[in-house]
Amino acid sequence: GLVVNEAMAAGLPVAVSSACGCAPELVEDGVNGWRFDPHNPGEIAAAFERLANLGPQAEAFAAAGRRIVETFGPRRFSDGFCKAAEAASPPRYSMFHRMLLRRLAYR
């Protein structure tokens, strides 16, 4: 599931299906690779042809890919995980609110 991230971290330009969940966040068309419609053989071929013919632009694509993917590191994961855990924890009600909720539940 992380093959696009790994390729970019390794300095490779990417061609990614627009149906792939990571495409909007990781692929900037013409900057670090290209997105293509997976149902359009012409777009697929064009994306891979562009990759094959990058020439001197390859280094710029590699640098852009590394810059983009480094924002999706362990720190971002842990921050997101903590926010999700906080959102999933039950709310803390005061004694008054707990009594009120119990009273309303028995009506």
PDB file of N, CA and C in Angstrom:
ATOM      1  N   GLY A   1       0.784  -1.191   0.000  1.00  0.00           N
ATOM      2  CA  GLY A   1       0.000   0.000   0.000  1.00  0.00           C
ATOM      3  C   GLY A   1       0.835   1.267   0.000  1.00  0.00           C
ATOM      4  N   LEU A   2       2.130   1.143   0.259  1.00  0.00           N
ATOM      5  CA  LEU A   2       2.964   2.332   0.325  1.00  0.00           C
ATOM      6  C   LEU A   2       3.972   2.382  -0.814  1.00  0.00           C
ATOM      7  N   VAL A   3       3.717   1.676  -1.875  1.00  0.00           N
ATOM      8  CA  VAL A   3       4.699   1.595  -2.957  1.00  0.00           C
ATOM      9  C   VAL A   3       4.978   2.955  -3.591  1.00  0.00           C
ATOM     10  N   VAL A   4       3.985   3.815  -3.692  1.00  0.00           N
ATOM     11  CA  VAL A   4       4.199   5.143  -4.272  1.00  0.00           C
ATOM     12  C   VAL A   4       5.094   5.968  -3.341  1.00  0.00           C
ATOM     13  N   ASN A   5       4.801   5.929  -2.048  1.00  0.00           N
ATOM     14  CA  ASN A   5       5.637   6.642  -1.076  1.00  0.00           C
ATOM     15  C   ASN A   5       7.083   6.154  -1.150  1.00  0.00           C
ATOM     16  N   GLU A   6       7.261   4.844  -1.210  1.00  0.00           N
ATOM     17  CA  GLU A   6       8.600   4.266  -1.243  1.00  0.00           C
ATOM     18  C   GLU A   6       9.353   4.664  -2.507  1.00  0.00           C
ATOM     19  N   ALA A   7       8.675   4.641  -3.637  1.00  0.00           N
ATOM     20  CA  ALA A   7       9.308   5.031  -4.899  1.00  0.00           C
ATOM     21  C   ALA A   7       9.751   6.488  -4.839  1.00  0.00           C
ATOM     22  N   MET A   8       8.894   7.346  -4.311  1.00  0.00           N
ATOM     23  CA  MET A   8       9.241   8.761  -4.231  1.00  0.00           C
ATOM     24  C   MET A   8      10.390   8.988  -3.259  1.00  0.00           C
ATOM     25  N   ALA A   9      10.389   8.283  -2.128  1.00  0.00           N
ATOM     26  CA  ALA A   9      11.474   8.416  -1.158  1.00  0.00           C
ATOM     27  C   ALA A   9      12.800   7.947  -1.752  1.00  0.00           C
ATOM     28  N   ALA A  10      12.719   7.012  -2.698  1.00  0.00           N
ATOM     29  CA  ALA A  10      13.921   6.515  -3.370  1.00  0.00           C
ATOM     30  C   ALA A  10      14.349   7.419  -4.522  1.00  0.00           C
ATOM     31  N   GLY A  11      13.603   8.490  -4.760  1.00  0.00           N
ATOM     32  CA  GLY A  11      13.972   9.437  -5.801  1.00  0.00           C
ATOM     33  C   GLY A  11      13.499   9.067  -7.186  1.00  0.00           C
ATOM     34  N   LEU A  12      12.433   8.311  -7.253  1.00  0.00           N
ATOM     35  CA  LEU A  12      11.902   7.916  -8.558  1.00  0.00           C
ATOM     36  C   LEU A  12      10.681   8.753  -8.927  1.00  0.00           C
ATOM     37  N   PRO A  13      10.567   9.161 -10.175  1.00  0.00           N
ATOM     38  CA  PRO A  13       9.323   9.798 -10.622  1.00  0.00           C
ATOM     39  C   PRO A  13       8.248   8.716 -10.683  1.00  0.00           C
ATOM     40  N   VAL A  14       6.997   9.111 -10.594  1.00  0.00           N
ATOM     41  CA  VAL A  14       5.922   8.122 -10.507  1.00  0.00           C
ATOM     42  C   VAL A  14       4.832   8.354 -11.546  1.00  0.00           C
ATOM     43  N   ALA A  15       4.187   7.275 -11.929  1.00  0.00           N
ATOM     44  CA  ALA A  15       2.966   7.305 -12.735  1.00  0.00           C
ATOM     45  C   ALA A  15       1.943   6.544 -11.904  1.00  0.00           C
ATOM     46  N   VAL A  16       0.877   7.237 -11.512  1.00  0.00           N
ATOM     47  CA  VAL A  16      -0.079   6.672 -10.566  1.00  0.00           C
ATOM     48  C   VAL A  16      -1.492   6.829 -11.097  1.00  0.00           C
ATOM     49  N   SER A  17      -2.269   5.775 -10.956  1.00  0.00           N
ATOM     50  CA  SER A  17      -3.668   5.810 -11.353  1.00  0.00           C
ATOM     51  C   SER A  17      -4.414   6.871 -10.545  1.00  0.00           C
ATOM     52  N   SER A  18      -5.277   7.609 -11.208  1.00  0.00           N
ATOM     53  CA  SER A  18      -6.082   8.621 -10.511  1.00  0.00           C
ATOM     54  C   SER A  18      -7.071   7.964  -9.553  1.00  0.00           C
ATOM     55  N   ALA A  19      -7.282   6.650  -9.680  1.00  0.00           N
ATOM     56  CA  ALA A  19      -8.158   5.922  -8.769  1.00  0.00           C
ATOM     57  C   ALA A  19      -7.441   5.528  -7.484  1.00  0.00           C
ATOM     58  N   CYS A  20      -6.150   5.672  -7.461  1.00  0.00           N
ATOM     59  CA  CYS A  20      -5.344   5.332  -6.279  1.00  0.00           C
ATOM     60  C   CYS A  20      -5.572   6.399  -5.212  1.00  0.00           C
ATOM     61  N   GLY A  21      -5.842   5.978  -3.993  1.00  0.00           N
ATOM     62  CA  GLY A  21      -6.176   6.908  -2.926  1.00  0.00           C
ATOM     63  C   GLY A  21      -5.115   7.948  -2.619  1.00  0.00           C
ATOM     64  N   CYS A  22      -3.855   7.623  -2.860  1.00  0.00           N
ATOM     65  CA  CYS A  22      -2.782   8.568  -2.522  1.00  0.00           C
ATOM     66  C   CYS A  22      -2.508   9.571  -3.626  1.00  0.00           C
ATOM     67  N   ALA A  23      -3.045   9.373  -4.804  1.00  0.00           N
ATOM     68  CA  ALA A  23      -2.713  10.213  -5.957  1.00  0.00           C
ATOM     69  C   ALA A  23      -2.918  11.713  -5.722  1.00  0.00           C
ATOM     70  N   PRO A  24      -4.035  12.150  -5.164  1.00  0.00           N
ATOM     71  CA  PRO A  24      -4.208  13.599  -4.988  1.00  0.00           C
ATOM     72  C   PRO A  24      -3.180  14.237  -4.050  1.00  0.00           C
ATOM     73  N   GLU A  25      -2.765  13.504  -3.027  1.00  0.00           N
ATOM     74  CA  GLU A  25      -1.827  14.062  -2.054  1.00  0.00           C
ATOM     75  C   GLU A  25      -0.372  13.945  -2.484  1.00  0.00           C
ATOM     76  N   LEU A  26      -0.041  12.892  -3.223  1.00  0.00           N
ATOM     77  CA  LEU A  26       1.366  12.615  -3.505  1.00  0.00           C
ATOM     78  C   LEU A  26       1.840  12.982  -4.906  1.00  0.00           C
ATOM     79  N   VAL A  27       0.945  13.017  -5.871  1.00  0.00           N
ATOM     80  CA  VAL A  27       1.386  13.212  -7.256  1.00  0.00           C
ATOM     81  C   VAL A  27       0.985  14.590  -7.766  1.00  0.00           C
ATOM     82  N   GLU A  28       1.988  15.377  -8.095  1.00  0.00           N
ATOM     83  CA  GLU A  28       1.759  16.679  -8.728  1.00  0.00           C
ATOM     84  C   GLU A  28       2.151  16.518 -10.190  1.00  0.00           C
ATOM     85  N   ASP A  29       1.149  16.512 -11.061  1.00  0.00           N
ATOM     86  CA  ASP A  29       1.388  16.286 -12.490  1.00  0.00           C
ATOM     87  C   ASP A  29       2.464  17.215 -13.042  1.00  0.00           C
ATOM     88  N   GLY A  30       3.447  16.602 -13.672  1.00  0.00           N
ATOM     89  CA  GLY A  30       4.517  17.363 -14.285  1.00  0.00           C
ATOM     90  C   GLY A  30       5.562  17.873 -13.314  1.00  0.00           C
ATOM     91  N   VAL A  31       5.410  17.548 -12.013  1.00  0.00           N
ATOM     92  CA  VAL A  31       6.366  17.996 -11.003  1.00  0.00           C
ATOM     93  C   VAL A  31       7.175  16.815 -10.468  1.00  0.00           C
ATOM     94  N   ASN A  32       6.465  15.762 -10.061  1.00  0.00           N
ATOM     95  CA  ASN A  32       7.148  14.555  -9.592  1.00  0.00           C
ATOM     96  C   ASN A  32       6.637  13.296 -10.289  1.00  0.00           C
ATOM     97  N   GLY A  33       5.754  13.464 -11.244  1.00  0.00           N
ATOM     98  CA  GLY A  33       5.200  12.329 -11.983  1.00  0.00           C
ATOM     99  C   GLY A  33       3.900  12.728 -12.647  1.00  0.00           C
ATOM    100  N   TRP A  34       3.081  11.711 -12.942  1.00  0.00           N
ATOM    101  CA  TRP A  34       1.794  11.968 -13.595  1.00  0.00           C
ATOM    102  C   TRP A  34       0.740  11.026 -13.070  1.00  0.00           C
ATOM    103  N   ARG A  35      -0.499  11.534 -13.068  1.00  0.00           N
ATOM    104  CA  ARG A  35      -1.674  10.715 -12.779  1.00  0.00           C
ATOM    105  C   ARG A  35      -2.312  10.348 -14.114  1.00  0.00           C
ATOM    106  N   PHE A  36      -2.929   9.192 -14.140  1.00  0.00           N
ATOM    107  CA  PHE A  36      -3.604   8.760 -15.370  1.00  0.00           C
ATOM    108  C   PHE A  36      -4.916   8.073 -15.031  1.00  0.00           C
ATOM    109  N   ASP A  37      -5.852   8.135 -15.964  1.00  0.00           N
ATOM    110  CA  ASP A  37      -7.133   7.441 -15.836  1.00  0.00           C
ATOM    111  C   ASP A  37      -6.873   5.960 -16.089  1.00  0.00           C
ATOM    112  N   PRO A  38      -7.162   5.082 -15.132  1.00  0.00           N
ATOM    113  CA  PRO A  38      -6.867   3.660 -15.314  1.00  0.00           C
ATOM    114  C   PRO A  38      -7.710   2.980 -16.391  1.00  0.00           C
ATOM    115  N   HIS A  39      -8.735   3.665 -16.852  1.00  0.00           N
ATOM    116  CA  HIS A  39      -9.605   3.099 -17.886  1.00  0.00           C
ATOM    117  C   HIS A  39      -9.277   3.643 -19.275  1.00  0.00           C
ATOM    118  N   ASN A  40      -8.203   4.416 -19.359  1.00  0.00           N
ATOM    119  CA  ASN A  40      -7.829   5.032 -20.628  1.00  0.00           C
ATOM    120  C   ASN A  40      -6.414   4.569 -21.019  1.00  0.00           C
ATOM    121  N   PRO A  41      -6.324   3.573 -21.898  1.00  0.00           N
ATOM    122  CA  PRO A  41      -5.006   3.052 -22.279  1.00  0.00           C
ATOM    123  C   PRO A  41      -4.076   4.117 -22.850  1.00  0.00           C
ATOM    124  N   GLY A  42      -4.624   5.103 -23.534  1.00  0.00           N
ATOM    125  CA  GLY A  42      -3.802   6.174 -24.091  1.00  0.00           C
ATOM    126  C   GLY A  42      -3.134   7.002 -23.001  1.00  0.00           C
ATOM    127  N   GLU A  43      -3.887   7.310 -21.932  1.00  0.00           N
ATOM    128  CA  GLU A  43      -3.310   8.071 -20.817  1.00  0.00           C
ATOM    129  C   GLU A  43      -2.240   7.270 -20.087  1.00  0.00           C
ATOM    130  N   ILE A  44      -2.483   5.973 -19.922  1.00  0.00           N
ATOM    131  CA  ILE A  44      -1.498   5.114 -19.259  1.00  0.00           C
ATOM    132  C   ILE A  44      -0.203   5.109 -20.059  1.00  0.00           C
ATOM    133  N   ALA A  45      -0.328   4.886 -21.361  1.00  0.00           N
ATOM    134  CA  ALA A  45       0.856   4.848 -22.225  1.00  0.00           C
ATOM    135  C   ALA A  45       1.586   6.188 -22.223  1.00  0.00           C
ATOM    136  N   ALA A  46       0.829   7.279 -22.269  1.00  0.00           N
ATOM    137  CA  ALA A  46       1.449   8.611 -22.287  1.00  0.00           C
ATOM    138  C   ALA A  46       2.211   8.886 -20.994  1.00  0.00           C
ATOM    139  N   ALA A  47       1.649   8.486 -19.853  1.00  0.00           N
ATOM    140  CA  ALA A  47       2.319   8.702 -18.566  1.00  0.00           C
ATOM    141  C   ALA A  47       3.640   7.935 -18.515  1.00  0.00           C
ATOM    142  N   PHE A  48       3.627   6.693 -18.951  1.00  0.00           N
ATOM    143  CA  PHE A  48       4.858   5.903 -18.918  1.00  0.00           C
ATOM    144  C   PHE A  48       5.865   6.358 -19.974  1.00  0.00           C
ATOM    145  N   GLU A  49       5.363   6.868 -21.084  1.00  0.00           N
ATOM    146  CA  GLU A  49       6.280   7.415 -22.090  1.00  0.00           C
ATOM    147  C   GLU A  49       6.983   8.657 -21.552  1.00  0.00           C
ATOM    148  N   ARG A  50       6.229   9.515 -20.852  1.00  0.00           N
ATOM    149  CA  ARG A  50       6.847  10.701 -20.239  1.00  0.00           C
ATOM    150  C   ARG A  50       7.921  10.306 -19.233  1.00  0.00           C
ATOM    151  N   LEU A  51       7.632   9.281 -18.432  1.00  0.00           N
ATOM    152  CA  LEU A  51       8.620   8.810 -17.460  1.00  0.00           C
ATOM    153  C   LEU A  51       9.888   8.315 -18.146  1.00  0.00           C
ATOM    154  N   ALA A  52       9.704   7.581 -19.222  1.00  0.00           N
ATOM    155  CA  ALA A  52      10.852   7.018 -19.934  1.00  0.00           C
ATOM    156  C   ALA A  52      11.704   8.082 -20.604  1.00  0.00           C
ATOM    157  N   ASN A  53      11.120   9.230 -20.905  1.00  0.00           N
ATOM    158  CA  ASN A  53      11.834  10.284 -21.636  1.00  0.00           C
ATOM    159  C   ASN A  53      12.113  11.535 -20.795  1.00  0.00           C
ATOM    160  N   LEU A  54      12.237  11.391 -19.494  1.00  0.00           N
ATOM    161  CA  LEU A  54      12.476  12.554 -18.635  1.00  0.00           C
ATOM    162  C   LEU A  54      13.827  13.214 -18.892  1.00  0.00           C
ATOM    163  N   GLY A  55      14.835  12.428 -19.135  1.00  0.00           N
ATOM    164  CA  GLY A  55      16.167  12.979 -19.386  1.00  0.00           C
ATOM    165  C   GLY A  55      16.673  13.814 -18.229  1.00  0.00           C
ATOM    166  N   PRO A  56      17.168  15.030 -18.503  1.00  0.00           N
ATOM    167  CA  PRO A  56      17.753  15.861 -17.453  1.00  0.00           C
ATOM    168  C   PRO A  56      16.753  16.323 -16.392  1.00  0.00           C
ATOM    169  N   GLN A  57      15.470  16.245 -16.683  1.00  0.00           N
ATOM    170  CA  GLN A  57      14.444  16.630 -15.695  1.00  0.00           C
ATOM    171  C   GLN A  57      14.314  15.616 -14.561  1.00  0.00           C
ATOM    172  N   ALA A  58      14.906  14.441 -14.731  1.00  0.00           N
ATOM    173  CA  ALA A  58      14.738  13.370 -13.744  1.00  0.00           C
ATOM    174  C   ALA A  58      15.171  13.806 -12.347  1.00  0.00           C
ATOM    175  N   GLU A  59      16.249  14.554 -12.237  1.00  0.00           N
ATOM    176  CA  GLU A  59      16.720  14.999 -10.917  1.00  0.00           C
ATOM    177  C   GLU A  59      15.723  15.946 -10.251  1.00  0.00           C
ATOM    178  N   ALA A  60      15.131  16.836 -11.024  1.00  0.00           N
ATOM    179  CA  ALA A  60      14.133  17.756 -10.465  1.00  0.00           C
ATOM    180  C   ALA A  60      12.903  16.984  -9.987  1.00  0.00           C
ATOM    181  N   PHE A  61      12.497  15.974 -10.743  1.00  0.00           N
ATOM    182  CA  PHE A  61      11.360  15.144 -10.355  1.00  0.00           C
ATOM    183  C   PHE A  61      11.693  14.373  -9.076  1.00  0.00           C
ATOM    184  N   ALA A  62      12.921  13.856  -8.985  1.00  0.00           N
ATOM    185  CA  ALA A  62      13.349  13.118  -7.797  1.00  0.00           C
ATOM    186  C   ALA A  62      13.313  14.019  -6.566  1.00  0.00           C
ATOM    187  N   ALA A  63      13.848  15.219  -6.680  1.00  0.00           N
ATOM    188  CA  ALA A  63      13.872  16.158  -5.554  1.00  0.00           C
ATOM    189  C   ALA A  63      12.452  16.542  -5.132  1.00  0.00           C
ATOM    190  N   ALA A  64      11.587  16.782  -6.103  1.00  0.00           N
ATOM    191  CA  ALA A  64      10.200  17.142  -5.794  1.00  0.00           C
ATOM    192  C   ALA A  64       9.490  15.990  -5.096  1.00  0.00           C
ATOM    193  N   GLY A  65       9.714  14.786  -5.575  1.00  0.00           N
ATOM    194  CA  GLY A  65       9.088  13.612  -4.952  1.00  0.00           C
ATOM    195  C   GLY A  65       9.528  13.432  -3.515  1.00  0.00           C
ATOM    196  N   ARG A  66      10.819  13.586  -3.262  1.00  0.00           N
ATOM    197  CA  ARG A  66      11.324  13.464  -1.889  1.00  0.00           C
ATOM    198  C   ARG A  66      10.725  14.552  -0.991  1.00  0.00           C
ATOM    199  N   ARG A  67      10.633  15.763  -1.514  1.00  0.00           N
ATOM    200  CA  ARG A  67      10.068  16.883  -0.741  1.00  0.00           C
ATOM    201  C   ARG A  67       8.613  16.596  -0.375  1.00  0.00           C
ATOM    202  N   ILE A  68       7.853  16.100  -1.329  1.00  0.00           N
ATOM    203  CA  ILE A  68       6.428  15.830  -1.093  1.00  0.00           C
ATOM    204  C   ILE A  68       6.245  14.696  -0.089  1.00  0.00           C
ATOM    205  N   VAL A  69       6.965  13.604  -0.291  1.00  0.00           N
ATOM    206  CA  VAL A  69       6.734  12.418   0.544  1.00  0.00           C
ATOM    207  C   VAL A  69       7.266  12.585   1.966  1.00  0.00           C
ATOM    208  N   GLU A  70       8.228  13.456   2.172  1.00  0.00           N
ATOM    209  CA  GLU A  70       8.753  13.612   3.530  1.00  0.00           C
ATOM    210  C   GLU A  70       7.726  14.219   4.482  1.00  0.00           C
ATOM    211  N   THR A  71       6.685  14.848   3.939  1.00  0.00           N
ATOM    212  CA  THR A  71       5.631  15.385   4.803  1.00  0.00           C
ATOM    213  C   THR A  71       4.699  14.289   5.312  1.00  0.00           C
ATOM    214  N   PHE A  72       4.855  13.060   4.809  1.00  0.00           N
ATOM    215  CA  PHE A  72       4.006  11.940   5.218  1.00  0.00           C
ATOM    216  C   PHE A  72       4.789  10.944   6.062  1.00  0.00           C
ATOM    217  N   GLY A  73       5.667  11.426   6.918  1.00  0.00           N
ATOM    218  CA  GLY A  73       6.522  10.578   7.732  1.00  0.00           C
ATOM    219  C   GLY A  73       5.872  10.137   9.036  1.00  0.00           C
ATOM    220  N   PRO A  74       6.672   9.520   9.908  1.00  0.00           N
ATOM    221  CA  PRO A  74       6.167   9.000  11.181  1.00  0.00           C
ATOM    222  C   PRO A  74       5.536  10.068  12.070  1.00  0.00           C
ATOM    223  N   ARG A  75       6.070  11.281  12.056  1.00  0.00           N
ATOM    224  CA  ARG A  75       5.510  12.348  12.898  1.00  0.00           C
ATOM    225  C   ARG A  75       4.065  12.627  12.502  1.00  0.00           C
ATOM    226  N   ARG A  76       3.810  12.734  11.201  1.00  0.00           N
ATOM    227  CA  ARG A  76       2.445  13.008  10.744  1.00  0.00           C
ATOM    228  C   ARG A  76       1.516  11.854  11.104  1.00  0.00           C
ATOM    229  N   PHE A  77       2.021  10.625  10.966  1.00  0.00           N
ATOM    230  CA  PHE A  77       1.217   9.460  11.329  1.00  0.00           C
ATOM    231  C   PHE A  77       0.851   9.504  12.811  1.00  0.00           C
ATOM    232  N   SER A  78       1.850   9.756  13.677  1.00  0.00           N
ATOM    233  CA  SER A  78       1.577   9.747  15.112  1.00  0.00           C
ATOM    234  C   SER A  78       0.634  10.885  15.506  1.00  0.00           C
ATOM    235  N   ASP A  79       0.789  12.044  14.880  1.00  0.00           N
ATOM    236  CA  ASP A  79      -0.124  13.156  15.163  1.00  0.00           C
ATOM    237  C   ASP A  79      -1.558  12.792  14.779  1.00  0.00           C
ATOM    238  N   GLY A  80      -1.716  12.201  13.603  1.00  0.00           N
ATOM    239  CA  GLY A  80      -3.044  11.779  13.147  1.00  0.00           C
ATOM    240  C   GLY A  80      -3.637  10.693  14.028  1.00  0.00           C
ATOM    241  N   PHE A  81      -2.789   9.772  14.454  1.00  0.00           N
ATOM    242  CA  PHE A  81      -3.253   8.685  15.322  1.00  0.00           C
ATOM    243  C   PHE A  81      -3.755   9.244  16.655  1.00  0.00           C
ATOM    244  N   CYS A  82      -2.997  10.173  17.228  1.00  0.00           N
ATOM    245  CA  CYS A  82      -3.400  10.786  18.502  1.00  0.00           C
ATOM    246  C   CYS A  82      -4.705  11.556  18.356  1.00  0.00           C
ATOM    247  N   LYS A  83      -4.872  12.278  17.267  1.00  0.00           N
ATOM    248  CA  LYS A  83      -6.115  13.022  17.045  1.00  0.00           C
ATOM    249  C   LYS A  83      -7.304  12.073  16.902  1.00  0.00           C
ATOM    250  N   ALA A  84      -7.080  10.947  16.203  1.00  0.00           N
ATOM    251  CA  ALA A  84      -8.149   9.962  16.040  1.00  0.00           C
ATOM    252  C   ALA A  84      -8.526   9.344  17.386  1.00  0.00           C
ATOM    253  N   ALA A  85      -7.524   9.040  18.209  1.00  0.00           N
ATOM    254  CA  ALA A  85      -7.794   8.462  19.529  1.00  0.00           C
ATOM    255  C   ALA A  85      -8.560   9.447  20.397  1.00  0.00           C
ATOM    256  N   GLU A  86      -8.196  10.717  20.346  1.00  0.00           N
ATOM    257  CA  GLU A  86      -8.908  11.733  21.119  1.00  0.00           C
ATOM    258  C   GLU A  86     -10.355  11.860  20.659  1.00  0.00           C
ATOM    259  N   ALA A  87     -10.563  11.814  19.346  1.00  0.00           N
ATOM    260  CA  ALA A  87     -11.917  11.934  18.810  1.00  0.00           C
ATOM    261  C   ALA A  87     -12.770  10.716  19.170  1.00  0.00           C
ATOM    262  N   ALA A  88     -12.137   9.551  19.325  1.00  0.00           N
ATOM    263  CA  ALA A  88     -12.872   8.324  19.619  1.00  0.00           C
ATOM    264  C   ALA A  88     -13.159   8.149  21.105  1.00  0.00           C
ATOM    265  N   SER A  89     -12.455   8.860  21.966  1.00  0.00           N
ATOM    266  CA  SER A  89     -12.664   8.687  23.413  1.00  0.00           C
ATOM    267  C   SER A  89     -14.003   9.302  23.805  1.00  0.00           C
ATOM    268  N   PRO A  90     -14.663   8.690  24.795  1.00  0.00           N
ATOM    269  CA  PRO A  90     -15.978   9.208  25.201  1.00  0.00           C
ATOM    270  C   PRO A  90     -15.849  10.596  25.816  1.00  0.00           C
ATOM    271  N   PRO A  91     -16.868  11.408  25.640  1.00  0.00           N
ATOM    272  CA  PRO A  91     -16.808  12.757  26.217  1.00  0.00           C
ATOM    273  C   PRO A  91     -16.861  12.691  27.742  1.00  0.00           C
ATOM    274  N   ARG A  92     -16.299  13.658  28.385  1.00  0.00           N
ATOM    275  CA  ARG A  92     -16.299  13.740  29.848  1.00  0.00           C
ATOM    276  C   ARG A  92     -17.413  14.720  30.260  1.00  0.00           C
ATOM    277  N   TYR A  93     -18.386  14.149  30.944  1.00  0.00           N
ATOM    278  CA  TYR A  93     -19.514  14.966  31.389  1.00  0.00           C
ATOM    279  C   TYR A  93     -19.366  15.295  32.876  1.00  0.00           C
ATOM    280  N   SER A  94     -19.885  16.431  33.260  1.00  0.00           N
ATOM    281  CA  SER A  94     -19.899  16.792  34.681  1.00  0.00           C
ATOM    282  C   SER A  94     -20.923  15.922  35.402  1.00  0.00           C
ATOM    283  N   MET A  95     -20.868  15.936  36.721  1.00  0.00           N
ATOM    284  CA  MET A  95     -21.817  15.166  37.534  1.00  0.00           C
ATOM    285  C   MET A  95     -23.249  15.582  37.195  1.00  0.00           C
ATOM    286  N   PHE A  96     -23.483  16.872  37.050  1.00  0.00           N
ATOM    287  CA  PHE A  96     -24.814  17.367  36.716  1.00  0.00           C
ATOM    288  C   PHE A  96     -25.301  16.772  35.389  1.00  0.00           C
ATOM    289  N   HIS A  97     -24.442  16.804  34.364  1.00  0.00           N
ATOM    290  CA  HIS A  97     -24.840  16.288  33.061  1.00  0.00           C
ATOM    291  C   HIS A  97     -25.083  14.787  33.093  1.00  0.00           C
ATOM    292  N   ARG A  98     -24.286  14.040  33.857  1.00  0.00           N
ATOM    293  CA  ARG A  98     -24.504  12.586  33.968  1.00  0.00           C
ATOM    294  C   ARG A  98     -25.853  12.300  34.621  1.00  0.00           C
ATOM    295  N   MET A  99     -26.173  13.039  35.690  1.00  0.00           N
ATOM    296  CA  MET A  99     -27.466  12.842  36.365  1.00  0.00           C
ATOM    297  C   MET A  99     -28.617  13.205  35.439  1.00  0.00           C
ATOM    298  N   LEU A 100     -28.461  14.284  34.695  1.00  0.00           N
ATOM    299  CA  LEU A 100     -29.495  14.712  33.758  1.00  0.00           C
ATOM    300  C   LEU A 100     -29.704  13.667  32.661  1.00  0.00           C
ATOM    301  N   LEU A 101     -28.609  13.142  32.140  1.00  0.00           N
ATOM    302  CA  LEU A 101     -28.718  12.113  31.089  1.00  0.00           C
ATOM    303  C   LEU A 101     -29.404  10.857  31.624  1.00  0.00           C
ATOM    304  N   ARG A 102     -29.064  10.431  32.863  1.00  0.00           N
ATOM    305  CA  ARG A 102     -29.713   9.257  33.443  1.00  0.00           C
ATOM    306  C   ARG A 102     -31.209   9.507  33.610  1.00  0.00           C
ATOM    307  N   ARG A 103     -31.546  10.685  34.096  1.00  0.00           N
ATOM    308  CA  ARG A 103     -32.957  11.030  34.319  1.00  0.00           C
ATOM    309  C   ARG A 103     -33.732  11.008  33.000  1.00  0.00           C
ATOM    310  N   LEU A 104     -33.130  11.590  31.961  1.00  0.00           N
ATOM    311  CA  LEU A 104     -33.792  11.622  30.653  1.00  0.00           C
ATOM    312  C   LEU A 104     -33.883  10.233  30.032  1.00  0.00           C
ATOM    313  N   ALA A 105     -32.922   9.372  30.315  1.00  0.00           N
ATOM    314  CA  ALA A 105     -32.920   8.026  29.754  1.00  0.00           C
ATOM    315  C   ALA A 105     -34.043   7.173  30.333  1.00  0.00           C
ATOM    316  N   TYR A 106     -34.482   7.464  31.542  1.00  0.00           N
ATOM    317  CA  TYR A 106     -35.524   6.663  32.179  1.00  0.00           C
ATOM    318  C   TYR A 106     -36.923   7.211  31.944  1.00  0.00           C
ATOM    319  N   ARG A 107     -37.085   8.209  31.147  1.00  0.00           N
ATOM    320  CA  ARG A 107     -38.409   8.778  30.855  1.00  0.00           C
ATOM    321  C   ARG A 107     -39.135   7.953  29.868  1.00  0.00           C
TER     322      ARG A 107
END
